[in-house]
């Protein structure tokens, strides 16, 4: 995740070597809402879903246990509610 003043950039490294990457650039004004699911006792991964206006399918990212999902949520809220 890269937070800029005007947009969120998502980078998804793919493949075994990680050389292939997919980039999404999302203007904050296009984000209608987002949801966060924190890690639990049996489900060790946290999850973030970002919903874009006019798109029914959210951008979805999983975070390993110990990742700062609350920090990502805080930054996202800061830029969306600006």
Protein backbone atom coordinates (compact mmCIF):
# COMPACT_ATOMS: atom_id res chain seq x y z
CA UNK A 1 0.00 0.00 0.00
CA UNK A 2 1.27 3.43 -0.93
CA UNK A 3 -0.71 6.42 0.36
CA UNK A 4 -0.27 9.61 -1.64
CA UNK A 5 -2.10 12.91 -1.22
CA UNK A 6 -4.66 12.06 -3.92
CA UNK A 7 -4.75 8.29 -4.34
CA UNK A 8 -4.05 4.86 -2.96
CA UNK A 9 -1.65 2.65 -4.90
CA UNK A 10 -1.93 -1.11 -4.38
CA UNK A 11 0.96 -3.31 -5.51
CA UNK A 12 0.39 -7.05 -5.82
CA UNK A 13 3.57 -9.03 -6.44
CA UNK A 14 2.88 -12.29 -8.22
CA UNK A 15 4.69 -15.46 -9.13
CA UNK A 16 7.39 -17.42 -7.38
CA UNK A 17 10.12 -14.84 -7.96
CA UNK A 18 7.94 -11.79 -7.30
CA UNK A 19 9.17 -10.10 -10.47
CA UNK A 20 5.68 -9.88 -11.91
CA UNK A 21 3.55 -7.19 -10.28
CA UNK A 22 0.07 -5.78 -10.68
CA UNK A 23 -0.54 -2.11 -9.83
CA UNK A 24 -3.89 -0.52 -8.96
CA UNK A 25 -4.22 3.22 -8.49
CA UNK A 26 -7.41 4.32 -6.78
CA UNK A 27 -8.37 7.98 -6.26
CA UNK A 28 -9.66 8.46 -2.70
CA UNK A 29 -12.79 10.16 -4.03
CA UNK A 30 -13.71 6.87 -5.78
CA UNK A 31 -13.67 4.81 -2.58
CA UNK A 32 -17.25 4.50 -1.34
CA UNK A 33 -16.40 2.48 1.79
CA UNK A 34 -14.04 -0.13 3.20
CA UNK A 35 -14.17 -2.92 5.76
CA UNK A 36 -11.57 -4.49 8.02
CA UNK A 37 -11.68 -7.95 9.54
CA UNK A 38 -9.08 -8.43 12.24
CA UNK A 39 -7.29 -11.70 12.95
CA UNK A 40 -8.94 -14.03 15.42
CA UNK A 41 -8.06 -17.11 17.44
CA UNK A 42 -8.62 -19.63 14.66
CA UNK A 43 -8.42 -17.35 11.62
CA UNK A 44 -4.91 -15.93 11.84
CA UNK A 45 -5.15 -13.54 8.87
CA UNK A 46 -6.71 -10.08 8.82
CA UNK A 47 -8.54 -8.82 5.75
CA UNK A 48 -9.18 -5.44 4.16
CA UNK A 49 -11.86 -4.83 1.51
CA UNK A 50 -12.02 -1.56 -0.44
CA UNK A 51 -15.21 -0.79 -2.36
CA UNK A 52 -15.02 1.49 -5.39
CA UNK A 53 -18.03 3.49 -6.63
CA UNK A 54 -19.76 1.67 -9.48
CA UNK A 55 -17.96 -1.64 -8.82
CA UNK A 56 -19.69 -4.44 -6.90
CA UNK A 57 -16.49 -6.44 -6.35
CA UNK A 58 -14.11 -5.00 -3.74
CA UNK A 59 -10.33 -4.92 -3.84
CA UNK A 60 -9.40 -7.47 -1.20
CA UNK A 61 -6.10 -7.94 0.61
CA UNK A 62 -5.12 -10.38 3.36
CA UNK A 63 -2.61 -9.49 6.06
CA UNK A 64 -0.58 -12.01 8.02
CA UNK A 65 -0.88 -12.11 11.79
CA UNK A 66 1.11 -9.28 13.33
CA UNK A 67 0.60 -6.88 10.42
CA UNK A 68 -0.59 -3.39 11.39
CA UNK A 69 -4.08 -3.62 9.87
CA UNK A 70 -5.34 -0.93 12.26
CA UNK A 71 -2.63 1.44 11.03
CA UNK A 72 -3.68 0.83 7.41
CA UNK A 73 -7.31 1.43 8.39
CA UNK A 74 -6.37 4.66 10.16
CA UNK A 75 -4.42 5.99 7.15
CA UNK A 76 -7.21 5.03 4.75
CA UNK A 77 -9.84 6.76 6.89
CA UNK A 78 -7.61 9.84 7.19
CA UNK A 79 -7.32 10.28 3.41
CA UNK A 80 -10.92 9.33 2.55
CA UNK A 81 -12.49 11.62 5.16
CA UNK A 82 -10.18 14.55 4.35
